[in-house]
N, C-alpha and C. Protein backbone atom coordinates (compact mmCIF):
# COMPACT_ATOMS: atom_id res chain seq x y z
N MET A 1 -0.49 14.42 1.30
CA MET A 1 -0.53 15.39 0.21
C MET A 1 0.44 14.96 -0.89
N ILE A 2 0.00 15.01 -2.10
CA ILE A 2 0.84 14.61 -3.24
C ILE A 2 1.81 15.73 -3.56
N ARG A 3 3.09 15.37 -3.61
CA ARG A 3 4.13 16.37 -3.87
C ARG A 3 4.59 16.38 -5.31
N ASP A 4 4.34 15.28 -6.02
CA ASP A 4 4.78 15.17 -7.40
C ASP A 4 3.92 16.07 -8.28
N LYS A 5 4.54 17.10 -8.86
CA LYS A 5 3.82 18.08 -9.66
C LYS A 5 3.13 17.44 -10.86
N LYS A 6 3.78 16.46 -11.49
CA LYS A 6 3.18 15.81 -12.66
C LYS A 6 1.93 15.03 -12.27
N LEU A 7 1.98 14.36 -11.13
CA LEU A 7 0.81 13.61 -10.68
C LEU A 7 -0.32 14.56 -10.30
N ARG A 8 0.01 15.65 -9.63
CA ARG A 8 -1.01 16.66 -9.30
C ARG A 8 -1.67 17.20 -10.56
N ASP A 9 -0.85 17.42 -11.61
CA ASP A 9 -1.39 17.92 -12.87
C ASP A 9 -2.35 16.89 -13.49
N LEU A 10 -1.99 15.61 -13.44
CA LEU A 10 -2.87 14.57 -13.95
C LEU A 10 -4.19 14.57 -13.18
N ILE A 11 -4.11 14.66 -11.88
CA ILE A 11 -5.32 14.69 -11.05
C ILE A 11 -6.19 15.89 -11.42
N ASP A 12 -5.57 17.04 -11.59
CA ASP A 12 -6.31 18.24 -11.98
C ASP A 12 -7.02 18.04 -13.31
N GLN A 13 -6.33 17.42 -14.26
CA GLN A 13 -6.93 17.17 -15.57
C GLN A 13 -8.11 16.21 -15.46
N LEU A 14 -7.96 15.16 -14.67
CA LEU A 14 -9.05 14.20 -14.49
C LEU A 14 -10.26 14.86 -13.85
N LEU A 15 -10.03 15.75 -12.90
CA LEU A 15 -11.14 16.43 -12.22
C LEU A 15 -11.90 17.39 -13.14
N LYS A 16 -11.29 17.80 -14.23
CA LYS A 16 -11.95 18.69 -15.19
C LYS A 16 -12.92 17.94 -16.10
N ILE A 17 -12.80 16.64 -16.18
CA ILE A 17 -13.61 15.84 -17.09
C ILE A 17 -15.03 15.75 -16.53
N LYS A 18 -16.00 16.08 -17.37
CA LYS A 18 -17.39 16.17 -16.91
C LYS A 18 -18.29 15.03 -17.39
N THR A 19 -17.96 14.41 -18.52
CA THR A 19 -18.86 13.40 -19.06
C THR A 19 -18.13 12.08 -19.27
N GLN A 20 -18.91 11.02 -19.40
CA GLN A 20 -18.35 9.71 -19.68
C GLN A 20 -17.62 9.71 -21.02
N GLU A 21 -18.17 10.41 -21.99
CA GLU A 21 -17.54 10.49 -23.31
C GLU A 21 -16.18 11.20 -23.23
N GLU A 22 -16.11 12.28 -22.47
CA GLU A 22 -14.84 12.98 -22.28
C GLU A 22 -13.82 12.08 -21.60
N MET A 23 -14.27 11.33 -20.60
CA MET A 23 -13.37 10.44 -19.88
C MET A 23 -12.87 9.33 -20.81
N GLU A 24 -13.77 8.76 -21.58
CA GLU A 24 -13.36 7.70 -22.51
C GLU A 24 -12.33 8.23 -23.51
N ASP A 25 -12.58 9.41 -24.05
CA ASP A 25 -11.64 10.01 -24.99
C ASP A 25 -10.28 10.24 -24.35
N PHE A 26 -10.29 10.75 -23.13
CA PHE A 26 -9.04 11.01 -22.41
C PHE A 26 -8.27 9.71 -22.17
N LEU A 27 -8.97 8.70 -21.65
CA LEU A 27 -8.31 7.43 -21.34
C LEU A 27 -7.80 6.73 -22.59
N LEU A 28 -8.58 6.77 -23.67
CA LEU A 28 -8.11 6.16 -24.92
C LEU A 28 -6.86 6.86 -25.44
N GLY A 29 -6.77 8.15 -25.20
CA GLY A 29 -5.62 8.90 -25.66
C GLY A 29 -4.38 8.75 -24.81
N ILE A 30 -4.58 8.60 -23.51
CA ILE A 30 -3.43 8.63 -22.60
C ILE A 30 -2.90 7.25 -22.23
N LEU A 31 -3.77 6.24 -22.27
CA LEU A 31 -3.35 4.90 -21.86
C LEU A 31 -3.01 4.03 -23.06
N THR A 32 -2.05 3.14 -22.86
CA THR A 32 -1.74 2.15 -23.88
C THR A 32 -2.83 1.08 -23.85
N PRO A 33 -2.94 0.29 -24.91
CA PRO A 33 -3.92 -0.80 -24.89
C PRO A 33 -3.74 -1.72 -23.68
N LYS A 34 -2.51 -2.03 -23.32
CA LYS A 34 -2.23 -2.89 -22.18
C LYS A 34 -2.72 -2.25 -20.87
N GLU A 35 -2.46 -0.95 -20.71
CA GLU A 35 -2.92 -0.25 -19.51
C GLU A 35 -4.45 -0.22 -19.45
N ARG A 36 -5.10 -0.11 -20.62
CA ARG A 36 -6.57 -0.12 -20.65
C ARG A 36 -7.12 -1.49 -20.27
N GLU A 37 -6.33 -2.53 -20.39
CA GLU A 37 -6.73 -3.86 -19.93
C GLU A 37 -6.46 -4.02 -18.43
N GLU A 38 -5.29 -3.57 -17.99
CA GLU A 38 -4.85 -3.83 -16.62
C GLU A 38 -5.57 -2.98 -15.57
N ILE A 39 -5.80 -1.73 -15.85
CA ILE A 39 -6.39 -0.84 -14.84
C ILE A 39 -7.81 -1.26 -14.47
N PRO A 40 -8.68 -1.60 -15.42
CA PRO A 40 -10.01 -2.08 -15.02
C PRO A 40 -9.95 -3.37 -14.19
N VAL A 41 -8.97 -4.22 -14.45
CA VAL A 41 -8.81 -5.44 -13.66
C VAL A 41 -8.45 -5.08 -12.22
N ARG A 42 -7.61 -4.09 -12.05
CA ARG A 42 -7.24 -3.67 -10.70
C ARG A 42 -8.46 -3.15 -9.94
N LEU A 43 -9.33 -2.43 -10.65
CA LEU A 43 -10.56 -1.97 -10.01
C LEU A 43 -11.42 -3.16 -9.60
N GLN A 44 -11.51 -4.18 -10.44
CA GLN A 44 -12.29 -5.37 -10.10
C GLN A 44 -11.70 -6.08 -8.88
N ILE A 45 -10.38 -6.08 -8.79
CA ILE A 45 -9.72 -6.68 -7.62
C ILE A 45 -10.20 -5.99 -6.35
N VAL A 46 -10.19 -4.67 -6.35
CA VAL A 46 -10.61 -3.92 -5.16
C VAL A 46 -12.06 -4.22 -4.83
N LYS A 47 -12.92 -4.23 -5.84
CA LYS A 47 -14.34 -4.51 -5.60
C LYS A 47 -14.53 -5.92 -5.03
N MET A 48 -13.81 -6.88 -5.58
CA MET A 48 -13.95 -8.25 -5.11
C MET A 48 -13.43 -8.39 -3.67
N LEU A 49 -12.32 -7.73 -3.37
CA LEU A 49 -11.81 -7.76 -2.00
C LEU A 49 -12.83 -7.18 -1.03
N ARG A 50 -13.44 -6.07 -1.42
CA ARG A 50 -14.46 -5.44 -0.57
C ARG A 50 -15.66 -6.37 -0.35
N ASN A 51 -15.90 -7.25 -1.31
CA ASN A 51 -17.02 -8.19 -1.19
C ASN A 51 -16.63 -9.48 -0.48
N GLY A 52 -15.41 -9.52 0.07
CA GLY A 52 -15.00 -10.64 0.88
C GLY A 52 -14.49 -11.86 0.13
N ILE A 53 -14.22 -11.70 -1.14
CA ILE A 53 -13.68 -12.81 -1.93
C ILE A 53 -12.20 -12.96 -1.59
N THR A 54 -11.75 -14.19 -1.45
CA THR A 54 -10.36 -14.41 -1.05
C THR A 54 -9.40 -14.01 -2.16
N GLN A 55 -8.18 -13.71 -1.74
CA GLN A 55 -7.17 -13.31 -2.71
C GLN A 55 -6.91 -14.40 -3.74
N HIS A 56 -6.87 -15.63 -3.30
CA HIS A 56 -6.61 -16.74 -4.24
C HIS A 56 -7.75 -16.89 -5.24
N GLU A 57 -8.99 -16.74 -4.77
CA GLU A 57 -10.13 -16.81 -5.68
C GLU A 57 -10.09 -15.69 -6.71
N ILE A 58 -9.73 -14.50 -6.26
CA ILE A 58 -9.65 -13.35 -7.15
C ILE A 58 -8.58 -13.57 -8.21
N ALA A 59 -7.40 -13.99 -7.77
CA ALA A 59 -6.29 -14.22 -8.69
C ALA A 59 -6.69 -15.24 -9.76
N GLU A 60 -7.32 -16.32 -9.33
CA GLU A 60 -7.72 -17.36 -10.26
C GLU A 60 -8.81 -16.86 -11.21
N SER A 61 -9.80 -16.19 -10.65
CA SER A 61 -10.94 -15.70 -11.43
C SER A 61 -10.53 -14.68 -12.50
N LEU A 62 -9.61 -13.79 -12.14
CA LEU A 62 -9.22 -12.71 -13.05
C LEU A 62 -7.96 -13.04 -13.85
N GLY A 63 -7.32 -14.14 -13.53
CA GLY A 63 -6.11 -14.52 -14.27
C GLY A 63 -4.94 -13.60 -14.00
N VAL A 64 -4.82 -13.17 -12.74
CA VAL A 64 -3.70 -12.31 -12.35
C VAL A 64 -2.89 -13.01 -11.27
N GLY A 65 -1.70 -12.50 -11.04
CA GLY A 65 -0.86 -13.06 -9.99
C GLY A 65 -1.35 -12.67 -8.61
N ILE A 66 -1.05 -13.51 -7.67
CA ILE A 66 -1.45 -13.24 -6.29
C ILE A 66 -0.81 -11.96 -5.78
N ALA A 67 0.37 -11.62 -6.27
CA ALA A 67 1.03 -10.38 -5.84
C ALA A 67 0.23 -9.15 -6.24
N THR A 68 -0.41 -9.20 -7.39
CA THR A 68 -1.25 -8.09 -7.84
C THR A 68 -2.44 -7.92 -6.91
N VAL A 69 -3.05 -9.03 -6.53
CA VAL A 69 -4.19 -8.98 -5.62
C VAL A 69 -3.74 -8.51 -4.24
N THR A 70 -2.61 -9.00 -3.78
CA THR A 70 -2.08 -8.61 -2.47
C THR A 70 -1.81 -7.12 -2.42
N ARG A 71 -1.30 -6.57 -3.51
CA ARG A 71 -1.05 -5.13 -3.55
C ARG A 71 -2.36 -4.36 -3.34
N GLY A 72 -3.41 -4.79 -4.03
CA GLY A 72 -4.71 -4.16 -3.85
C GLY A 72 -5.20 -4.27 -2.41
N SER A 73 -4.99 -5.43 -1.82
CA SER A 73 -5.40 -5.66 -0.44
C SER A 73 -4.64 -4.73 0.52
N ARG A 74 -3.35 -4.59 0.30
CA ARG A 74 -2.54 -3.70 1.15
C ARG A 74 -3.05 -2.27 1.07
N GLU A 75 -3.37 -1.83 -0.14
CA GLU A 75 -3.85 -0.46 -0.31
C GLU A 75 -5.21 -0.27 0.36
N LEU A 76 -6.06 -1.28 0.29
CA LEU A 76 -7.34 -1.22 1.00
C LEU A 76 -7.12 -1.08 2.50
N HIS A 77 -6.18 -1.82 3.03
CA HIS A 77 -5.89 -1.76 4.47
C HIS A 77 -5.31 -0.41 4.88
N LYS A 78 -4.73 0.31 3.94
CA LYS A 78 -4.22 1.66 4.21
C LYS A 78 -5.36 2.69 4.20
N GLY A 79 -6.55 2.24 3.83
CA GLY A 79 -7.69 3.16 3.80
C GLY A 79 -7.96 3.78 2.45
N ARG A 80 -7.33 3.25 1.42
CA ARG A 80 -7.54 3.77 0.08
C ARG A 80 -8.86 3.24 -0.50
N PHE A 81 -9.27 3.80 -1.60
CA PHE A 81 -10.44 3.34 -2.37
C PHE A 81 -11.76 3.57 -1.64
N LYS A 82 -11.83 4.62 -0.85
CA LYS A 82 -13.07 4.90 -0.11
C LYS A 82 -14.25 5.15 -1.04
N VAL A 83 -13.98 5.65 -2.24
CA VAL A 83 -15.08 5.95 -3.17
C VAL A 83 -15.46 4.76 -4.03
N VAL A 84 -14.72 3.66 -3.93
CA VAL A 84 -15.01 2.47 -4.74
C VAL A 84 -16.03 1.61 -4.02
N ASN A 85 -17.09 1.26 -4.73
CA ASN A 85 -18.07 0.34 -4.12
C ASN A 85 -18.52 -0.70 -5.12
C-alpha cells in the first residue's frame, strides 16, 4: 500500500483521466521534455524484457545504460508491470 500522500494524489488524478487527449494534455503539462523522452523508453525496456530480449541488446538498441535496463528487470521480477504487454 502506498503511504506517500502526494503519490496517492497523483495516482488518483491519473485514474480520473478518461481520454487519450486528456492524458496527453496532463502529461505535457506535468512532465519536463526530458521526462517525456525517458519514461516512454522505460516502458519499451519493460516490453522488450517481457519479449525475452537480453539486457545488453536492449541497452544497445535504446541507447540507455545497462543499469537502467537492470532496474526494469528487477521490477519485473518483483511482479510489477502486470498490465504492460
